[in-house]
Amino acid sequence: MNSHDVDLGRIEKAVREILYAIGEDPDRDGLLDTPARVARAYAEQFSGLGQRPEDVLTKVFDVDHDEMVLVRDIEVYSTCEHHLVPFHGVAHVGYIPNDRGQVTGLSKLARLVDVFARRPQVQERMTSQIADALMRVLDPRGVIVVVECEHLCMTMRGVRKPGAKTVTSAVRGDFRTSDKTRSEAMALILGRHP
């Protein structure tokens, strides 16, 4: 599904029905344009459904680098597939380049996070999808992904515990087999905390 494949009209009709169902009048002044706004927002929020990792990991550079590359604190905004409410936080993505010393652009790692965050999602799956995509497309010697998010389904409803963070990780290759490599990455990721 590409963003141009999103059925905006169908979303608008559904939002009108939801407004009726909760006892609102979708034709009142403040809500008149809400169905169209929600449809456009959903097209953007779920644009990752129309993307593949190969769409963003398009370029590698031969720089003969054989040490870890880590981008910390990549903002994450996603939508919980269970309640269709947001979860947000940061992702830390690291990899050890392949045997040819190839690296990708740093912004490509942030874009890869967005490919999987901009879908109805659960954090655990998203974390693994990012790691697996990096392994498949870049063929690095190892990958580590750590995601820390606050879920509004826990904050604004249900248990109502604002500030609670969920932390997930996925390690592949050298990060899985070498305690020293994994420890170095975690020290770099957590180093921002006093």
N, C-alpha and C. Protein backbone atom coordinates (compact mmCIF):
# COMPACT_ATOMS: atom_id res chain seq x y z
N MET A 1 0.85 -1.18 0.00
CA MET A 1 0.00 0.00 0.00
C MET A 1 0.89 1.24 0.00
N ASN A 2 0.82 2.05 -1.02
CA ASN A 2 1.51 3.33 -1.06
C ASN A 2 0.57 4.39 -0.52
N SER A 3 1.14 5.54 -0.10
CA SER A 3 0.28 6.57 0.48
C SER A 3 -0.82 6.98 -0.49
N HIS A 4 -0.55 6.91 -1.80
CA HIS A 4 -1.59 7.27 -2.76
C HIS A 4 -2.66 6.18 -2.87
N ASP A 5 -2.42 5.00 -2.27
CA ASP A 5 -3.40 3.93 -2.27
C ASP A 5 -4.35 4.00 -1.07
N VAL A 6 -4.10 4.91 -0.15
CA VAL A 6 -4.96 5.04 1.03
C VAL A 6 -6.32 5.57 0.59
N ASP A 7 -7.36 4.91 1.02
CA ASP A 7 -8.73 5.29 0.67
C ASP A 7 -9.22 6.37 1.65
N LEU A 8 -8.89 7.61 1.34
CA LEU A 8 -9.23 8.72 2.23
C LEU A 8 -10.74 8.83 2.46
N GLY A 9 -11.52 8.66 1.42
CA GLY A 9 -12.97 8.76 1.55
C GLY A 9 -13.54 7.72 2.50
N ARG A 10 -13.02 6.53 2.45
CA ARG A 10 -13.49 5.47 3.33
C ARG A 10 -13.14 5.79 4.79
N ILE A 11 -11.93 6.32 5.01
CA ILE A 11 -11.55 6.72 6.37
C ILE A 11 -12.48 7.82 6.86
N GLU A 12 -12.75 8.81 6.01
CA GLU A 12 -13.65 9.90 6.41
C GLU A 12 -15.02 9.37 6.84
N LYS A 13 -15.58 8.43 6.05
CA LYS A 13 -16.88 7.86 6.40
C LYS A 13 -16.80 7.13 7.74
N ALA A 14 -15.73 6.39 7.95
CA ALA A 14 -15.56 5.65 9.20
C ALA A 14 -15.45 6.59 10.40
N VAL A 15 -14.72 7.69 10.24
CA VAL A 15 -14.58 8.65 11.34
C VAL A 15 -15.92 9.30 11.64
N ARG A 16 -16.69 9.62 10.62
CA ARG A 16 -18.03 10.16 10.85
C ARG A 16 -18.86 9.17 11.68
N GLU A 17 -18.77 7.90 11.33
CA GLU A 17 -19.51 6.87 12.07
C GLU A 17 -19.05 6.78 13.51
N ILE A 18 -17.75 6.87 13.72
CA ILE A 18 -17.22 6.84 15.10
C ILE A 18 -17.76 8.02 15.88
N LEU A 19 -17.77 9.19 15.28
CA LEU A 19 -18.29 10.38 15.96
C LEU A 19 -19.76 10.20 16.32
N TYR A 20 -20.55 9.67 15.38
CA TYR A 20 -21.96 9.37 15.69
C TYR A 20 -22.04 8.36 16.85
N ALA A 21 -21.20 7.32 16.80
CA ALA A 21 -21.26 6.23 17.77
C ALA A 21 -20.94 6.69 19.20
N ILE A 22 -20.10 7.70 19.34
CA ILE A 22 -19.77 8.19 20.68
C ILE A 22 -20.73 9.27 21.16
N GLY A 23 -21.72 9.60 20.31
CA GLY A 23 -22.73 10.58 20.69
C GLY A 23 -22.42 11.99 20.25
N GLU A 24 -21.52 12.16 19.31
CA GLU A 24 -21.17 13.48 18.79
C GLU A 24 -21.92 13.75 17.49
N ASP A 25 -21.90 15.01 17.10
CA ASP A 25 -22.50 15.43 15.83
C ASP A 25 -21.36 15.81 14.88
N PRO A 26 -21.05 14.97 13.90
CA PRO A 26 -19.94 15.27 13.00
C PRO A 26 -20.19 16.50 12.13
N ASP A 27 -21.41 17.02 12.15
CA ASP A 27 -21.72 18.21 11.34
C ASP A 27 -21.64 19.51 12.13
N ARG A 28 -21.29 19.41 13.42
CA ARG A 28 -21.15 20.65 14.19
C ARG A 28 -19.86 21.34 13.78
N ASP A 29 -19.80 22.63 14.04
CA ASP A 29 -18.71 23.48 13.55
C ASP A 29 -17.32 22.93 13.84
N GLY A 30 -17.03 22.53 15.06
CA GLY A 30 -15.68 22.09 15.41
C GLY A 30 -15.28 20.75 14.82
N LEU A 31 -16.27 19.95 14.42
CA LEU A 31 -15.99 18.61 13.90
C LEU A 31 -16.19 18.48 12.39
N LEU A 32 -16.66 19.53 11.77
CA LEU A 32 -17.03 19.45 10.35
C LEU A 32 -15.90 18.93 9.46
N ASP A 33 -14.68 19.39 9.69
CA ASP A 33 -13.54 18.97 8.85
C ASP A 33 -12.71 17.85 9.49
N THR A 34 -13.12 17.38 10.67
CA THR A 34 -12.35 16.37 11.37
C THR A 34 -12.19 15.07 10.57
N PRO A 35 -13.22 14.52 9.95
CA PRO A 35 -13.02 13.28 9.20
C PRO A 35 -11.95 13.41 8.11
N ALA A 36 -11.91 14.51 7.40
CA ALA A 36 -10.90 14.70 6.35
C ALA A 36 -9.51 14.88 6.97
N ARG A 37 -9.44 15.59 8.10
CA ARG A 37 -8.15 15.77 8.76
C ARG A 37 -7.61 14.43 9.28
N VAL A 38 -8.49 13.61 9.86
CA VAL A 38 -8.06 12.31 10.37
C VAL A 38 -7.60 11.43 9.20
N ALA A 39 -8.31 11.47 8.09
CA ALA A 39 -7.92 10.67 6.93
C ALA A 39 -6.52 11.06 6.44
N ARG A 40 -6.25 12.34 6.35
CA ARG A 40 -4.91 12.79 5.92
C ARG A 40 -3.85 12.41 6.95
N ALA A 41 -4.19 12.53 8.23
CA ALA A 41 -3.25 12.16 9.29
C ALA A 41 -2.94 10.66 9.23
N TYR A 42 -3.96 9.84 9.03
CA TYR A 42 -3.73 8.39 8.93
C TYR A 42 -2.87 8.05 7.73
N ALA A 43 -3.08 8.73 6.62
CA ALA A 43 -2.26 8.47 5.43
C ALA A 43 -0.78 8.71 5.76
N GLU A 44 -0.51 9.76 6.54
CA GLU A 44 0.88 10.06 6.94
C GLU A 44 1.37 9.10 8.02
N GLN A 45 0.54 8.88 9.05
CA GLN A 45 0.95 8.02 10.17
C GLN A 45 1.22 6.58 9.75
N PHE A 46 0.55 6.12 8.71
CA PHE A 46 0.69 4.74 8.27
C PHE A 46 1.40 4.63 6.93
N SER A 47 2.17 5.65 6.57
CA SER A 47 2.87 5.65 5.28
C SER A 47 3.94 4.57 5.20
N GLY A 48 4.38 4.03 6.32
CA GLY A 48 5.36 2.96 6.31
C GLY A 48 4.84 1.68 5.68
N LEU A 49 3.52 1.53 5.61
CA LEU A 49 2.95 0.34 4.97
C LEU A 49 3.30 0.27 3.50
N GLY A 50 3.57 1.42 2.89
CA GLY A 50 3.91 1.46 1.47
C GLY A 50 5.41 1.51 1.21
N GLN A 51 6.22 1.28 2.24
CA GLN A 51 7.67 1.35 2.07
C GLN A 51 8.33 0.04 2.46
N ARG A 52 9.48 -0.19 1.87
CA ARG A 52 10.30 -1.35 2.19
C ARG A 52 11.66 -0.83 2.67
N PRO A 53 12.36 -1.59 3.47
CA PRO A 53 13.70 -1.16 3.92
C PRO A 53 14.62 -0.81 2.75
N GLU A 54 14.48 -1.56 1.67
CA GLU A 54 15.31 -1.31 0.48
C GLU A 54 15.05 0.07 -0.12
N ASP A 55 13.87 0.65 0.17
CA ASP A 55 13.54 1.98 -0.34
C ASP A 55 14.37 3.07 0.34
N VAL A 56 14.81 2.81 1.57
CA VAL A 56 15.55 3.85 2.31
C VAL A 56 17.03 3.52 2.48
N LEU A 57 17.36 2.24 2.49
CA LEU A 57 18.78 1.86 2.60
C LEU A 57 19.35 1.71 1.19
N THR A 58 19.29 2.81 0.46
CA THR A 58 19.58 2.77 -0.97
C THR A 58 21.05 2.96 -1.31
N LYS A 59 21.83 3.45 -0.38
CA LYS A 59 23.20 3.83 -0.71
C LYS A 59 24.15 3.31 0.35
N VAL A 60 25.25 2.73 -0.10
CA VAL A 60 26.34 2.37 0.81
C VAL A 60 27.61 3.03 0.30
N PHE A 61 28.50 3.27 1.24
CA PHE A 61 29.77 3.91 0.92
C PHE A 61 30.91 2.98 1.31
N ASP A 62 31.87 2.85 0.44
CA ASP A 62 33.07 2.06 0.73
C ASP A 62 34.05 2.94 1.48
N VAL A 63 34.07 2.81 2.80
CA VAL A 63 34.96 3.65 3.61
C VAL A 63 35.95 2.83 4.43
N ASP A 64 35.92 1.52 4.24
CA ASP A 64 36.85 0.63 4.92
C ASP A 64 36.79 0.81 6.44
N HIS A 65 35.55 0.92 6.95
CA HIS A 65 35.34 1.09 8.41
C HIS A 65 34.93 -0.26 8.98
N ASP A 66 35.62 -0.69 10.05
CA ASP A 66 35.27 -2.00 10.61
C ASP A 66 34.89 -1.93 12.09
N GLU A 67 34.56 -0.74 12.56
CA GLU A 67 34.12 -0.57 13.95
C GLU A 67 32.65 -0.19 13.98
N MET A 68 32.09 -0.21 15.16
CA MET A 68 30.68 0.07 15.35
C MET A 68 30.27 1.47 14.87
N VAL A 69 29.07 1.53 14.28
CA VAL A 69 28.41 2.78 13.93
C VAL A 69 27.11 2.78 14.72
N LEU A 70 26.86 3.83 15.50
CA LEU A 70 25.68 3.87 16.36
C LEU A 70 25.03 5.24 16.26
N VAL A 71 23.73 5.26 16.00
CA VAL A 71 22.95 6.49 16.04
C VAL A 71 22.00 6.36 17.21
N ARG A 72 22.11 7.29 18.14
CA ARG A 72 21.32 7.27 19.37
C ARG A 72 20.18 8.27 19.28
N ASP A 73 19.15 8.00 20.06
CA ASP A 73 18.06 8.95 20.28
C ASP A 73 17.32 9.35 19.00
N ILE A 74 17.04 8.39 18.14
CA ILE A 74 16.21 8.62 16.96
C ILE A 74 14.76 8.68 17.44
N GLU A 75 14.09 9.77 17.20
CA GLU A 75 12.71 9.91 17.65
C GLU A 75 11.81 8.86 16.99
N VAL A 76 10.94 8.28 17.79
CA VAL A 76 9.99 7.28 17.31
C VAL A 76 8.58 7.76 17.64
N TYR A 77 7.73 7.78 16.63
CA TYR A 77 6.30 8.02 16.80
C TYR A 77 5.58 6.92 16.05
N SER A 78 4.83 6.10 16.79
CA SER A 78 4.14 4.99 16.16
C SER A 78 2.73 4.90 16.73
N THR A 79 1.97 3.93 16.22
CA THR A 79 0.59 3.75 16.65
C THR A 79 0.39 2.30 17.07
N CYS A 80 -0.04 2.13 18.31
CA CYS A 80 -0.29 0.79 18.86
C CYS A 80 -1.41 0.12 18.06
N GLU A 81 -1.13 -1.07 17.57
CA GLU A 81 -2.13 -1.76 16.76
C GLU A 81 -3.29 -2.30 17.59
N HIS A 82 -3.15 -2.33 18.91
CA HIS A 82 -4.22 -2.86 19.76
C HIS A 82 -5.30 -1.82 20.06
N HIS A 83 -4.90 -0.55 20.19
CA HIS A 83 -5.87 0.49 20.56
C HIS A 83 -5.87 1.67 19.59
N LEU A 84 -4.99 1.66 18.60
CA LEU A 84 -4.83 2.77 17.65
C LEU A 84 -4.59 4.10 18.35
N VAL A 85 -3.77 4.05 19.41
CA VAL A 85 -3.29 5.27 20.05
C VAL A 85 -1.77 5.28 19.95
N PRO A 86 -1.17 6.46 20.06
CA PRO A 86 0.27 6.57 19.84
C PRO A 86 1.13 5.96 20.93
N PHE A 87 2.33 5.59 20.52
CA PHE A 87 3.43 5.39 21.46
C PHE A 87 4.62 6.13 20.88
N HIS A 88 5.46 6.66 21.77
CA HIS A 88 6.56 7.50 21.31
C HIS A 88 7.76 7.35 22.22
N GLY A 89 8.92 7.66 21.67
CA GLY A 89 10.16 7.56 22.43
C GLY A 89 11.35 7.68 21.53
N VAL A 90 12.36 6.86 21.78
CA VAL A 90 13.60 6.92 20.99
C VAL A 90 14.08 5.51 20.64
N ALA A 91 14.79 5.45 19.53
CA ALA A 91 15.44 4.21 19.11
C ALA A 91 16.93 4.48 19.02
N HIS A 92 17.71 3.48 19.36
CA HIS A 92 19.16 3.52 19.22
C HIS A 92 19.51 2.37 18.27
N VAL A 93 20.18 2.70 17.18
CA VAL A 93 20.45 1.70 16.15
C VAL A 93 21.95 1.68 15.87
N GLY A 94 22.54 0.50 16.01
CA GLY A 94 23.97 0.35 15.75
C GLY A 94 24.25 -0.86 14.90
N TYR A 95 25.36 -0.80 14.19
CA TYR A 95 25.78 -1.96 13.40
C TYR A 95 27.28 -1.95 13.23
N ILE A 96 27.82 -3.11 12.93
CA ILE A 96 29.23 -3.24 12.60
C ILE A 96 29.27 -3.53 11.10
N PRO A 97 29.92 -2.68 10.32
CA PRO A 97 29.89 -2.82 8.85
C PRO A 97 30.29 -4.21 8.38
N ASN A 98 29.89 -4.51 7.17
CA ASN A 98 30.21 -5.81 6.57
C ASN A 98 31.71 -5.95 6.35
N ASP A 99 32.14 -7.09 5.89
CA ASP A 99 33.57 -7.38 5.70
C ASP A 99 34.22 -6.47 4.65
N ARG A 100 33.42 -5.81 3.84
CA ARG A 100 33.95 -4.88 2.83
C ARG A 100 34.11 -3.46 3.37
N GLY A 101 33.72 -3.25 4.64
CA GLY A 101 33.85 -1.94 5.27
C GLY A 101 32.85 -0.91 4.76
N GLN A 102 31.69 -1.37 4.30
CA GLN A 102 30.69 -0.46 3.75
C GLN A 102 29.77 0.07 4.85
N VAL A 103 29.44 1.36 4.75
CA VAL A 103 28.50 1.99 5.67
C VAL A 103 27.37 2.62 4.86
N THR A 104 26.27 2.87 5.53
CA THR A 104 25.17 3.59 4.90
C THR A 104 25.12 4.99 5.50
N GLY A 105 24.37 5.88 4.88
CA GLY A 105 24.22 7.23 5.41
C GLY A 105 23.53 7.19 6.76
N LEU A 106 23.96 8.05 7.67
CA LEU A 106 23.39 8.05 9.02
C LEU A 106 21.89 8.34 9.02
N SER A 107 21.45 9.23 8.14
CA SER A 107 20.02 9.55 8.08
C SER A 107 19.20 8.35 7.62
N LYS A 108 19.85 7.42 6.92
CA LYS A 108 19.13 6.23 6.44
C LYS A 108 18.67 5.37 7.62
N LEU A 109 19.43 5.37 8.71
CA LEU A 109 19.02 4.59 9.89
C LEU A 109 17.75 5.18 10.50
N ALA A 110 17.68 6.51 10.55
CA ALA A 110 16.47 7.16 11.06
C ALA A 110 15.28 6.89 10.14
N ARG A 111 15.53 6.91 8.85
CA ARG A 111 14.45 6.62 7.90
C ARG A 111 13.97 5.18 8.02
N LEU A 112 14.90 4.27 8.28
CA LEU A 112 14.52 2.88 8.45
C LEU A 112 13.61 2.72 9.67
N VAL A 113 13.93 3.41 10.75
CA VAL A 113 13.06 3.38 11.94
C VAL A 113 11.65 3.82 11.55
N ASP A 114 11.55 4.90 10.76
CA ASP A 114 10.24 5.41 10.34
C ASP A 114 9.47 4.41 9.47
N VAL A 115 10.18 3.67 8.63
CA VAL A 115 9.50 2.68 7.78
C VAL A 115 8.65 1.75 8.65
N PHE A 116 9.22 1.30 9.76
CA PHE A 116 8.50 0.35 10.61
C PHE A 116 7.63 1.03 11.67
N ALA A 117 7.97 2.25 12.08
CA ALA A 117 7.16 2.96 13.07
C ALA A 117 5.86 3.47 12.46
N ARG A 118 5.88 3.78 11.18
CA ARG A 118 4.68 4.35 10.54
C ARG A 118 3.78 3.25 9.99
N ARG A 119 3.38 2.38 10.91
CA ARG A 119 2.47 1.27 10.62
C ARG A 119 1.70 1.00 11.91
N PRO A 120 0.53 0.37 11.84
CA PRO A 120 -0.03 -0.15 13.09
C PRO A 120 1.00 -1.15 13.63
N GLN A 121 1.38 -1.01 14.90
CA GLN A 121 2.60 -1.69 15.31
C GLN A 121 2.55 -2.08 16.78
N VAL A 122 3.42 -3.03 17.13
CA VAL A 122 3.78 -3.28 18.52
C VAL A 122 5.29 -3.08 18.62
N GLN A 123 5.73 -2.56 19.72
CA GLN A 123 7.13 -2.17 19.87
C GLN A 123 8.07 -3.36 19.72
N GLU A 124 7.69 -4.50 20.26
CA GLU A 124 8.56 -5.67 20.20
C GLU A 124 8.83 -6.08 18.75
N ARG A 125 7.77 -6.13 17.93
CA ARG A 125 7.93 -6.49 16.53
C ARG A 125 8.75 -5.45 15.78
N MET A 126 8.45 -4.18 16.03
CA MET A 126 9.16 -3.10 15.34
C MET A 126 10.66 -3.18 15.60
N THR A 127 11.04 -3.45 16.84
CA THR A 127 12.46 -3.54 17.19
C THR A 127 13.14 -4.64 16.38
N SER A 128 12.51 -5.80 16.33
CA SER A 128 13.07 -6.92 15.56
C SER A 128 13.08 -6.64 14.06
N GLN A 129 12.03 -5.99 13.56
CA GLN A 129 11.97 -5.69 12.12
C GLN A 129 13.12 -4.78 11.70
N ILE A 130 13.43 -3.79 12.53
CA ILE A 130 14.53 -2.88 12.21
C ILE A 130 15.84 -3.65 12.15
N ALA A 131 16.09 -4.49 13.15
CA ALA A 131 17.33 -5.26 13.20
C ALA A 131 17.41 -6.23 12.02
N ASP A 132 16.33 -6.94 11.75
CA ASP A 132 16.35 -7.92 10.66
C ASP A 132 16.53 -7.26 9.30
N ALA A 133 15.92 -6.10 9.10
CA ALA A 133 16.08 -5.39 7.82
C ALA A 133 17.52 -4.95 7.61
N LEU A 134 18.14 -4.44 8.66
CA LEU A 134 19.55 -4.05 8.54
C LEU A 134 20.42 -5.25 8.19
N MET A 135 20.19 -6.37 8.84
CA MET A 135 20.97 -7.57 8.56
C MET A 135 20.78 -8.01 7.11
N ARG A 136 19.54 -8.00 6.65
CA ARG A 136 19.23 -8.48 5.31
C ARG A 136 19.76 -7.56 4.21
N VAL A 137 19.60 -6.25 4.38
CA VAL A 137 19.94 -5.31 3.31
C VAL A 137 21.41 -4.94 3.31
N LEU A 138 21.99 -4.68 4.49
CA LEU A 138 23.39 -4.22 4.54
C LEU A 138 24.40 -5.35 4.74
N ASP A 139 23.94 -6.51 5.18
CA ASP A 139 24.83 -7.64 5.45
C ASP A 139 25.96 -7.26 6.41
N PRO A 140 25.64 -6.58 7.52
CA PRO A 140 26.69 -6.21 8.47
C PRO A 140 27.11 -7.42 9.30
N ARG A 141 28.19 -7.25 10.05
CA ARG A 141 28.65 -8.33 10.92
C ARG A 141 27.81 -8.41 12.19
N GLY A 142 27.09 -7.36 12.50
CA GLY A 142 26.22 -7.37 13.66
C GLY A 142 25.33 -6.15 13.71
N VAL A 143 24.21 -6.26 14.43
CA VAL A 143 23.25 -5.17 14.58
C VAL A 143 22.74 -5.18 16.01
N ILE A 144 22.55 -3.98 16.56
CA ILE A 144 21.86 -3.82 17.84
C ILE A 144 20.82 -2.72 17.68
N VAL A 145 19.62 -2.99 18.19
CA VAL A 145 18.54 -2.00 18.19
C VAL A 145 17.94 -2.01 19.58
N VAL A 146 17.86 -0.84 20.20
CA VAL A 146 17.21 -0.68 21.50
C VAL A 146 16.18 0.43 21.33
N VAL A 147 14.94 0.14 21.73
CA VAL A 147 13.85 1.11 21.60
C VAL A 147 13.25 1.34 22.98
N GLU A 148 13.08 2.62 23.34
CA GLU A 148 12.49 3.02 24.62
C GLU A 148 11.28 3.90 24.32
N CYS A 149 10.08 3.46 24.69
CA CYS A 149 8.88 4.23 24.37
C CYS A 149 7.89 4.29 25.53
N GLU A 150 7.12 5.35 25.52
CA GLU A 150 5.97 5.49 26.40
C GLU A 150 4.73 5.22 25.56
N HIS A 151 3.86 4.38 26.06
CA HIS A 151 2.66 3.96 25.33
C HIS A 151 1.44 4.66 25.91
N LEU A 152 0.75 5.43 25.09
CA LEU A 152 -0.42 6.15 25.59
C LEU A 152 -1.56 5.21 25.95
N CYS A 153 -1.54 3.97 25.43
CA CYS A 153 -2.56 3.01 25.85
C CYS A 153 -2.37 2.63 27.32
N MET A 154 -1.18 2.87 27.88
CA MET A 154 -0.95 2.66 29.32
C MET A 154 -1.05 3.97 30.10
N THR A 155 -0.91 5.08 29.42
CA THR A 155 -0.86 6.38 30.08
C THR A 155 -2.24 7.03 30.20
N MET A 156 -3.01 7.01 29.11
CA MET A 156 -4.26 7.75 29.10
C MET A 156 -5.49 6.87 29.31
N ARG A 157 -5.30 5.56 29.35
CA ARG A 157 -6.42 4.63 29.57
C ARG A 157 -5.88 3.43 30.35
N GLY A 158 -6.75 2.53 30.67
CA GLY A 158 -6.31 1.30 31.35
C GLY A 158 -5.63 1.57 32.67
N VAL A 159 -4.38 1.11 32.80
CA VAL A 159 -3.65 1.20 34.06
C VAL A 159 -3.26 2.64 34.42
N ARG A 160 -3.19 3.55 33.46
CA ARG A 160 -2.90 4.98 33.66
C ARG A 160 -1.62 5.20 34.47
N LYS A 161 -0.51 4.85 33.86
CA LYS A 161 0.79 5.02 34.50
C LYS A 161 1.69 5.91 33.63
N PRO A 162 1.47 7.23 33.66
CA PRO A 162 2.29 8.14 32.86
C PRO A 162 3.77 8.02 33.21
N GLY A 163 4.59 8.10 32.19
CA GLY A 163 6.03 8.08 32.39
C GLY A 163 6.64 6.69 32.34
N ALA A 164 5.81 5.64 32.41
CA ALA A 164 6.35 4.28 32.34
C ALA A 164 6.90 4.05 30.93
N LYS A 165 8.11 3.54 30.85
CA LYS A 165 8.75 3.29 29.56
C LYS A 165 8.89 1.79 29.33
N THR A 166 8.68 1.39 28.11
CA THR A 166 8.92 0.02 27.69
C THR A 166 10.22 0.01 26.90
N VAL A 167 11.13 -0.88 27.25
CA VAL A 167 12.42 -0.98 26.57
C VAL A 167 12.51 -2.35 25.91
N THR A 168 12.78 -2.35 24.61
CA THR A 168 12.95 -3.60 23.87
C THR A 168 14.30 -3.56 23.17
N SER A 169 14.85 -4.75 22.93
CA SER A 169 16.12 -4.81 22.22
C SER A 169 16.11 -5.98 21.25
N ALA A 170 16.94 -5.84 20.23
CA ALA A 170 17.18 -6.92 19.28
C ALA A 170 18.66 -6.89 18.95
N VAL A 171 19.33 -8.01 19.10
CA VAL A 171 20.75 -8.10 18.77
C VAL A 171 20.95 -9.22 17.77
N ARG A 172 21.81 -8.97 16.81
CA ARG A 172 22.08 -9.95 15.76
C ARG A 172 23.59 -10.01 15.54
N GLY A 173 24.06 -11.12 15.02
CA GLY A 173 25.46 -11.26 14.64
C GLY A 173 26.41 -11.07 15.80
N ASP A 174 27.47 -10.27 15.59
CA ASP A 174 28.51 -10.06 16.60
C ASP A 174 27.96 -9.54 17.92
N PHE A 175 26.88 -8.77 17.89
CA PHE A 175 26.31 -8.25 19.14
C PHE A 175 25.67 -9.37 19.96
N ARG A 176 25.24 -10.42 19.30
CA ARG A 176 24.65 -11.55 20.00
C ARG A 176 25.73 -12.50 20.52
N THR A 177 26.78 -12.68 19.73
CA THR A 177 27.78 -13.69 20.08
C THR A 177 28.92 -13.16 20.94
N SER A 178 29.11 -11.85 20.99
CA SER A 178 30.21 -11.29 21.76
C SER A 178 29.70 -10.42 22.90
N ASP A 179 29.90 -10.89 24.13
CA ASP A 179 29.49 -10.11 25.30
C ASP A 179 30.20 -8.76 25.32
N LYS A 180 31.46 -8.74 24.93
CA LYS A 180 32.24 -7.50 24.94
C LYS A 180 31.66 -6.47 23.97
N THR A 181 31.31 -6.91 22.78
CA THR A 181 30.75 -6.00 21.77
C THR A 181 29.39 -5.47 22.22
N ARG A 182 28.55 -6.37 22.74
CA ARG A 182 27.23 -5.95 23.23
C ARG A 182 27.37 -4.98 24.39
N SER A 183 28.31 -5.24 25.30
CA SER A 183 28.53 -4.35 26.46
C SER A 183 29.01 -2.98 26.01
N GLU A 184 29.90 -2.95 25.01
CA GLU A 184 30.37 -1.66 24.49
C GLU A 184 29.21 -0.86 23.92
N ALA A 185 28.36 -1.52 23.15
CA ALA A 185 27.20 -0.82 22.55
C ALA A 185 26.27 -0.31 23.64
N MET A 186 25.98 -1.13 24.63
CA MET A 186 25.07 -0.70 25.69
C MET A 186 25.66 0.45 26.50
N ALA A 187 26.96 0.45 26.71
CA ALA A 187 27.61 1.56 27.42
C ALA A 187 27.45 2.85 26.61
N LEU A 188 27.60 2.76 25.30
CA LEU A 188 27.43 3.94 24.45
C LEU A 188 25.98 4.42 24.45
N ILE A 189 25.06 3.48 24.41
CA ILE A 189 23.63 3.84 24.41
C ILE A 189 23.25 4.46 25.76
N LEU A 190 23.64 3.84 26.84
CA LEU A 190 23.26 4.31 28.17
C LEU A 190 24.14 5.44 28.69
N GLY A 191 25.23 5.73 28.01
CA GLY A 191 26.19 6.75 28.45
C GLY A 191 25.59 8.12 28.62
N ARG A 192 24.43 8.35 28.04
CA ARG A 192 23.81 9.66 28.17
C ARG A 192 23.17 9.85 29.54
N HIS A 193 23.02 8.77 30.29
CA HIS A 193 22.45 8.84 31.64
C HIS A 193 23.55 9.05 32.66
N PRO A 194 23.38 9.98 33.62
CA PRO A 194 24.43 10.20 34.62
C PRO A 194 24.62 9.03 35.53
